[in-house]
Amino acid sequence: MLGHESLGEVTEVGSAVSRFKPGDLVVPSVRRPCPHARCLACREDKQDFCYTGDFTERGIKMTHGFLTEYYVDEEKYLTYVPPGLREVAVLVEPLTVAEKGLAQVRKVQQRLPWVAPKPPPDQIGKGKQAVVLGAGPVGILGAMLLLVNGFKTYVYSRSQAPNPKSELVDSLGAKYISCEVESVDQLAERVGDIDLVYEAVGTAKISYDVLRVLGMNGVYVFTGIPAPKPPVPIDADLIMRNLVLKNQVVVGTVNADREAFAGAIRDLGVFLKRWPTALRSLITGRYKIDQYRELLLGKASGIKNVIALV
């Protein structure tokens, strides 16, 4: 059963459940730990860093997902959602990708003087330039997170503006740039020193081309998983030279931990206050469950389409 993103309403709880009651809104996590005692990550509830690869994932790997009227889950894998977020909380799971990515950036960049002295709370990006690759839900939510953390943010995507995604991005205060209009080198010239790249496009060619222009002491976060394709040429010598001489870091991030889910719920509340119309407009279609075939097999449209049971 597919479906790894879900907002659910608790209808019944077991006798040992203490954190939830019927009527509560919850978002479930996706990855569940492997069974091996030797896996330090899974034994410490950090299954997003599983060493063995024998984890399971709801709706993705070896375990059913949430595309159904009811599902049963353990209390530890659910995160409470305030009622005021009911309309948009299905966006929590895709936002956790950016939440974990930014958490990794914080940890990695502690190795050098990267954050401005005495920045305002939650403003690690003050004075820094970030580029988001891709204007899908993961990319736009990532742009929102970077903006609230103080980054001057650019979204680099394929379609030429104006289009619904470019208009949404511009309404946030970010800058939308089409790769069909401006080359990667022109992007770098416009942005200046690129401090952070958040990749949310899942395409290797454009991603590695942008890696080529990452700035001094920059960090590049990969989140996409490309489908198998023929090899693409990259400027490997230049990239390797830059990584060494410019103290750059490339990090991959997958799935998310409890802190990322809690952070996503908190920040969705921030987004809803700052950009109420833009956040709601990310969900471009709500469908009944018997319309699943059209959504899964039909031509993709909109930004984020969801199945609503009520």
Protein backbone atom coordinates (compact mmCIF):
# COMPACT_ATOMS: atom_id res chain seq x y z
CA MET A 1 0.00 0.00 0.00
CA LEU A 2 1.45 3.34 -1.07
CA GLY A 3 1.41 6.62 0.83
CA HIS A 4 4.26 7.80 3.05
CA GLU A 5 2.83 11.27 3.75
CA SER A 6 -0.21 11.44 5.99
CA LEU A 7 -2.24 13.51 8.41
CA GLY A 8 -4.39 11.25 10.52
CA GLU A 9 -7.02 11.61 13.22
CA VAL A 10 -6.83 9.23 16.16
CA THR A 11 -10.00 7.14 16.44
CA GLU A 12 -8.92 4.61 19.05
CA VAL A 13 -5.97 4.08 21.43
CA GLY A 14 -4.55 1.05 23.20
CA SER A 15 -4.39 0.73 26.97
CA ALA A 16 -0.68 1.65 27.12
CA VAL A 17 -1.03 4.85 25.09
CA SER A 18 -0.54 7.99 27.19
CA ARG A 19 0.22 10.82 24.75
CA PHE A 20 -2.84 10.68 22.49
CA LYS A 21 -6.60 10.47 22.73
CA PRO A 22 -9.36 10.04 20.14
CA GLY A 23 -9.81 13.19 18.09
CA ASP A 24 -6.13 14.19 18.19
CA LEU A 25 -4.44 14.97 14.89
CA VAL A 26 -1.13 13.18 14.25
CA VAL A 27 1.52 12.83 11.58
CA PRO A 28 3.31 9.46 11.34
CA SER A 29 7.00 9.05 10.61
CA VAL A 30 8.11 6.96 7.65
CA ARG A 31 11.22 4.96 8.51
CA ARG A 32 11.24 2.24 11.17
CA PRO A 33 14.39 0.70 12.70
CA CYS A 34 16.17 -2.43 11.58
CA PRO A 35 16.24 -5.42 13.99
CA HIS A 36 20.02 -5.73 14.37
CA ALA A 37 21.68 -5.15 17.73
CA ARG A 38 24.88 -4.01 16.01
CA CYS A 39 23.13 -0.99 14.42
CA LEU A 40 23.94 1.81 16.84
CA ALA A 41 21.70 4.29 15.00
CA CYS A 42 18.53 2.21 15.12
CA ARG A 43 19.08 1.20 18.74
CA GLU A 44 19.14 4.91 19.62
CA ASP A 45 16.00 5.73 17.59
CA LYS A 46 18.07 7.33 14.83
CA GLN A 47 16.89 4.97 12.11
CA ASP A 48 17.36 7.71 9.53
CA PHE A 49 21.09 6.84 9.93
CA CYS A 50 20.60 3.05 9.83
CA TYR A 51 23.88 1.21 9.20
CA THR A 52 22.51 -2.10 7.91
CA GLY A 53 19.97 -0.98 5.31
CA ASP A 54 17.43 -3.40 6.79
CA PHE A 55 15.10 -0.63 7.95
CA THR A 56 11.51 -0.56 6.72
CA GLU A 57 9.63 2.48 5.43
CA ARG A 58 5.87 2.95 5.48
CA GLY A 59 4.60 3.05 1.92
CA ILE A 60 8.10 2.76 0.41
CA LYS A 61 10.02 -0.30 1.61
CA MET A 62 8.58 -3.58 2.88
CA THR A 63 5.76 -2.02 4.93
CA HIS A 64 2.34 -0.71 3.92
CA GLY A 65 1.77 3.02 3.78
CA PHE A 66 -1.14 5.25 4.69
CA LEU A 67 -3.28 5.41 1.53
CA THR A 68 -6.22 3.79 3.30
CA GLU A 69 -9.16 4.74 5.49
CA TYR A 70 -7.53 3.42 8.68
CA TYR A 71 -4.08 2.37 9.80
CA VAL A 72 -2.54 1.22 13.07
CA ASP A 73 0.75 2.55 14.37
CA GLU A 74 2.86 2.69 17.50
CA GLU A 75 2.66 5.77 19.70
CA LYS A 76 6.40 6.47 19.41
CA TYR A 77 6.11 6.98 15.65
CA LEU A 78 3.37 9.63 15.81
CA THR A 79 3.75 13.38 16.36
CA TYR A 80 0.92 15.55 17.64
CA VAL A 81 -0.45 18.28 15.34
CA PRO A 82 -2.27 21.36 16.74
CA PRO A 83 -5.85 21.65 15.42
CA GLY A 84 -5.07 25.00 13.79
CA LEU A 85 -2.75 23.25 11.31
CA ARG A 86 -5.33 20.70 10.16
CA GLU A 87 -5.69 22.30 6.71
CA VAL A 88 -1.95 22.18 5.89
CA ALA A 89 -0.43 19.51 8.14
CA VAL A 90 -0.21 16.96 5.33
CA LEU A 91 2.83 19.06 4.31
CA VAL A 92 4.71 18.12 7.49
CA GLU A 93 6.51 15.08 6.05
CA PRO A 94 7.91 16.84 2.94
CA LEU A 95 8.98 19.74 5.17
CA THR A 96 10.93 17.34 7.40
CA VAL A 97 13.34 16.86 4.48
CA ALA A 98 14.39 20.50 4.77
CA GLU A 99 14.25 20.45 8.57
CA LYS A 100 16.73 17.59 8.77
CA GLY A 101 18.84 19.09 6.00
CA LEU A 102 19.16 22.41 7.82
CA ALA A 103 19.93 20.59 11.08
CA GLN A 104 22.80 18.83 9.27
CA VAL A 105 24.01 22.17 7.93
CA ARG A 106 24.10 23.57 11.47
CA LYS A 107 26.21 20.67 12.69
CA VAL A 108 28.56 20.52 9.71
CA GLN A 109 29.23 24.26 9.65
CA GLN A 110 30.16 24.34 13.33
CA ARG A 111 33.63 23.37 12.09
CA LEU A 112 34.26 26.97 10.97
CA PRO A 113 33.19 30.57 11.69
CA TRP A 114 30.09 30.50 9.50
CA VAL A 115 27.25 32.06 11.47
CA ALA A 116 27.38 35.85 11.88
CA PRO A 117 28.37 36.99 15.41
CA LYS A 118 25.39 37.15 17.78
CA PRO A 119 22.68 36.49 15.18
CA PRO A 120 19.02 36.87 16.15
CA PRO A 121 17.41 33.61 17.33
CA ASP A 122 16.90 31.10 14.50
CA GLN A 123 18.68 33.37 12.02
CA ILE A 124 21.72 31.28 11.11
CA GLY A 125 21.34 32.43 7.51
CA LYS A 126 21.59 36.16 8.24
CA GLY A 127 23.80 37.69 5.56
CA LYS A 128 24.05 34.44 3.57
CA GLN A 129 22.88 33.37 0.12
CA ALA A 130 20.98 30.12 -0.46
CA VAL A 131 19.95 28.48 -3.72
CA VAL A 132 17.13 25.92 -3.85
CA LEU A 133 17.09 23.58 -6.83
CA GLY A 134 13.55 22.68 -7.85
CA ALA A 135 10.16 24.30 -7.30
CA GLY A 136 8.15 21.27 -6.25
CA PRO A 137 6.68 20.91 -2.75
CA VAL A 138 10.01 19.88 -1.16
CA GLY A 139 11.81 22.78 -2.85
CA ILE A 140 9.23 25.44 -2.03
CA LEU A 141 8.89 24.29 1.58
CA GLY A 142 12.69 24.32 1.80
CA ALA A 143 12.74 27.87 0.48
CA MET A 144 10.24 28.89 3.15
CA LEU A 145 12.41 27.35 5.86
CA LEU A 146 15.52 29.08 4.58
CA LEU A 147 13.73 32.42 4.41
CA VAL A 148 12.50 32.25 8.02
CA ASN A 149 16.06 31.38 9.04
CA GLY A 150 17.38 34.57 7.46
CA PHE A 151 18.84 33.35 4.16
CA LYS A 152 18.48 35.44 1.02
CA THR A 153 16.93 32.71 -1.07
CA TYR A 154 16.83 31.94 -4.79
CA VAL A 155 14.86 29.11 -6.39
CA TYR A 156 16.44 27.72 -9.55
CA SER A 157 13.99 25.62 -11.57
CA ARG A 158 13.22 24.66 -15.14
CA SER A 159 9.98 26.32 -16.25
CA GLN A 160 10.15 29.86 -17.48
CA ALA A 161 8.34 32.53 -15.50
CA PRO A 162 5.62 33.55 -15.12
CA ASN A 163 3.97 30.34 -13.96
CA PRO A 164 2.10 29.36 -10.78
CA LYS A 165 5.25 28.13 -9.04
CA SER A 166 7.31 31.20 -9.90
CA GLU A 167 4.51 33.47 -8.71
CA LEU A 168 4.25 31.56 -5.44
CA VAL A 169 8.04 31.71 -4.92
CA ASP A 170 8.16 35.45 -5.62
CA SER A 171 5.26 36.04 -3.21
CA LEU A 172 7.40 34.57 -0.43
CA GLY A 173 10.16 37.12 -0.96
CA ALA A 174 12.48 34.65 -2.68
CA LYS A 175 13.69 35.05 -6.27
CA TYR A 176 12.63 32.55 -8.92
CA ILE A 177 15.13 31.93 -11.75
CA SER A 178 14.58 29.61 -14.71
CA CYS A 179 17.50 27.46 -15.86
CA GLU A 180 16.07 27.80 -19.38
CA VAL A 181 16.73 31.55 -19.19
CA GLU A 182 19.88 31.81 -17.07
CA SER A 183 22.79 29.37 -17.16
CA VAL A 184 24.43 28.08 -13.99
CA ASP A 185 27.27 30.56 -14.47
CA GLN A 186 24.78 33.41 -14.85
CA LEU A 187 23.05 32.19 -11.69
CA ALA A 188 26.35 32.34 -9.80
CA GLU A 189 27.05 35.81 -11.15
CA ARG A 190 23.63 37.02 -10.02
CA VAL A 191 23.77 35.44 -6.54
CA GLY A 192 27.42 36.06 -5.73
CA ASP A 193 29.01 33.77 -3.17
CA ILE A 194 26.60 30.80 -2.81
CA ASP A 195 26.75 29.76 0.85
CA LEU A 196 24.18 26.96 0.72
CA VAL A 197 22.57 24.85 -1.98
CA TYR A 198 19.48 22.83 -1.08
CA GLU A 199 18.90 20.31 -3.86
CA ALA A 200 15.28 19.23 -4.28
CA VAL A 201 15.15 18.38 -7.97
CA GLY A 202 16.44 14.78 -8.14
CA THR A 203 18.33 15.32 -11.40
CA ALA A 204 22.06 14.69 -11.41
CA LYS A 205 23.15 16.83 -14.37
CA ILE A 206 21.85 20.19 -13.17
CA SER A 207 22.71 19.35 -9.56
CA TYR A 208 26.39 18.69 -10.27
CA ASP A 209 26.56 21.69 -12.57
CA VAL A 210 25.43 23.89 -9.68
CA LEU A 211 27.89 22.17 -7.33
CA ARG A 212 30.58 23.53 -9.63
CA VAL A 213 29.71 27.12 -8.60
CA LEU A 214 29.26 26.58 -4.85
CA GLY A 215 30.92 29.41 -2.92
CA MET A 216 33.77 29.63 -0.41
CA ASN A 217 33.10 27.56 2.74
CA GLY A 218 29.79 26.54 1.15
CA VAL A 219 27.67 23.52 1.98
CA TYR A 220 25.64 21.54 -0.54
CA VAL A 221 22.72 19.38 0.64
CA PHE A 222 21.54 16.57 -1.64
CA THR A 223 18.00 15.26 -1.02
CA GLY A 224 16.96 13.85 -4.41
CA ILE A 225 17.20 10.22 -5.50
CA PRO A 226 17.56 10.11 -9.30
CA ALA A 227 16.18 7.21 -11.28
CA PRO A 228 18.86 5.06 -12.96
CA LYS A 229 20.04 6.76 -16.14
CA PRO A 230 23.12 6.73 -18.36
CA PRO A 231 26.18 8.48 -16.84
CA VAL A 232 26.41 12.25 -17.26
CA PRO A 233 29.65 14.20 -17.74
CA ILE A 234 30.75 16.44 -14.85
CA ASP A 235 33.72 18.73 -14.34
CA ALA A 236 35.19 16.41 -11.72
CA ASP A 237 38.62 18.05 -11.52
CA LEU A 238 37.14 21.50 -10.87
CA ILE A 239 34.65 20.18 -8.32
CA MET A 240 37.36 18.28 -6.43
CA ARG A 241 39.66 21.31 -6.52
CA ASN A 242 36.90 23.55 -5.16
CA LEU A 243 35.98 21.11 -2.39
CA VAL A 244 39.55 21.21 -1.11
CA LEU A 245 40.61 24.81 -1.69
CA LYS A 246 37.26 26.37 -0.76
CA ASN A 247 36.59 24.20 2.33
CA GLN A 248 33.30 23.01 0.86
CA VAL A 249 31.08 20.22 2.15
CA VAL A 250 28.64 17.97 0.30
CA VAL A 251 26.15 16.08 2.46
CA GLY A 252 23.33 13.73 1.60
CA THR A 253 20.25 13.59 3.80
CA VAL A 254 17.43 11.08 3.81
CA ASN A 255 14.30 10.63 5.89
CA ALA A 256 13.93 12.43 9.20
CA ASP A 257 14.02 11.97 12.97
CA ARG A 258 11.58 13.00 15.71
CA GLU A 259 13.19 16.43 16.04
CA ALA A 260 12.64 17.12 12.34
CA PHE A 261 8.94 16.23 12.59
CA ALA A 262 8.52 18.45 15.65
CA GLY A 263 10.40 21.26 13.88
CA ALA A 264 8.26 20.90 10.76
CA ILE A 265 5.04 21.23 12.76
CA ARG A 266 6.42 24.28 14.58
CA ASP A 267 7.58 25.93 11.37
CA LEU A 268 4.35 25.20 9.50
CA GLY A 269 2.71 27.35 12.15
CA VAL A 270 5.25 30.09 11.41
CA PHE A 271 4.63 29.77 7.66
CA LEU A 272 0.86 29.90 8.13
CA LYS A 273 1.14 33.22 9.96
CA ARG A 274 3.69 34.72 7.56
CA TRP A 275 2.37 33.39 4.24
CA PRO A 276 -1.20 32.11 4.81
CA THR A 277 -2.26 32.28 1.18
CA ALA A 278 0.99 30.95 -0.27
CA LEU A 279 1.18 28.01 2.13
CA ARG A 280 -2.41 26.96 1.45
CA SER A 281 -1.86 27.30 -2.29
CA LEU A 282 0.83 24.60 -2.18
CA ILE A 283 -2.03 22.11 -1.97
CA THR A 284 -3.51 22.53 -5.43
CA GLY A 285 -6.01 19.67 -5.38
CA ARG A 286 -7.97 17.57 -2.88
CA TYR A 287 -9.43 14.30 -4.13
CA LYS A 288 -11.52 11.40 -2.86
CA ILE A 289 -9.82 8.08 -2.26
CA ASP A 290 -11.57 6.42 -5.20
CA GLN A 291 -9.82 8.91 -7.50
CA TYR A 292 -6.39 7.44 -6.69
CA ARG A 293 -5.91 6.00 -10.18
CA GLU A 294 -6.14 9.43 -11.80
CA LEU A 295 -3.56 10.83 -9.38
CA LEU A 296 -1.10 7.96 -9.66
CA LEU A 297 -1.34 7.18 -13.36
CA GLY A 298 -2.64 10.41 -14.90
CA LYS A 299 -0.65 13.38 -16.08
CA ALA A 300 0.96 15.25 -13.21
CA SER A 301 -0.53 18.66 -12.54
CA GLY A 302 -0.43 21.33 -9.87
CA ILE A 303 2.08 21.47 -7.03
CA LYS A 304 0.76 19.14 -4.34
CA ASN A 305 -2.34 16.98 -4.69
CA VAL A 306 -3.75 15.12 -1.70
CA ILE A 307 -6.45 12.55 -0.96
CA ALA A 308 -8.86 13.73 1.73
CA LEU A 309 -11.10 11.22 3.50
CA VAL A 310 -13.21 13.82 5.30
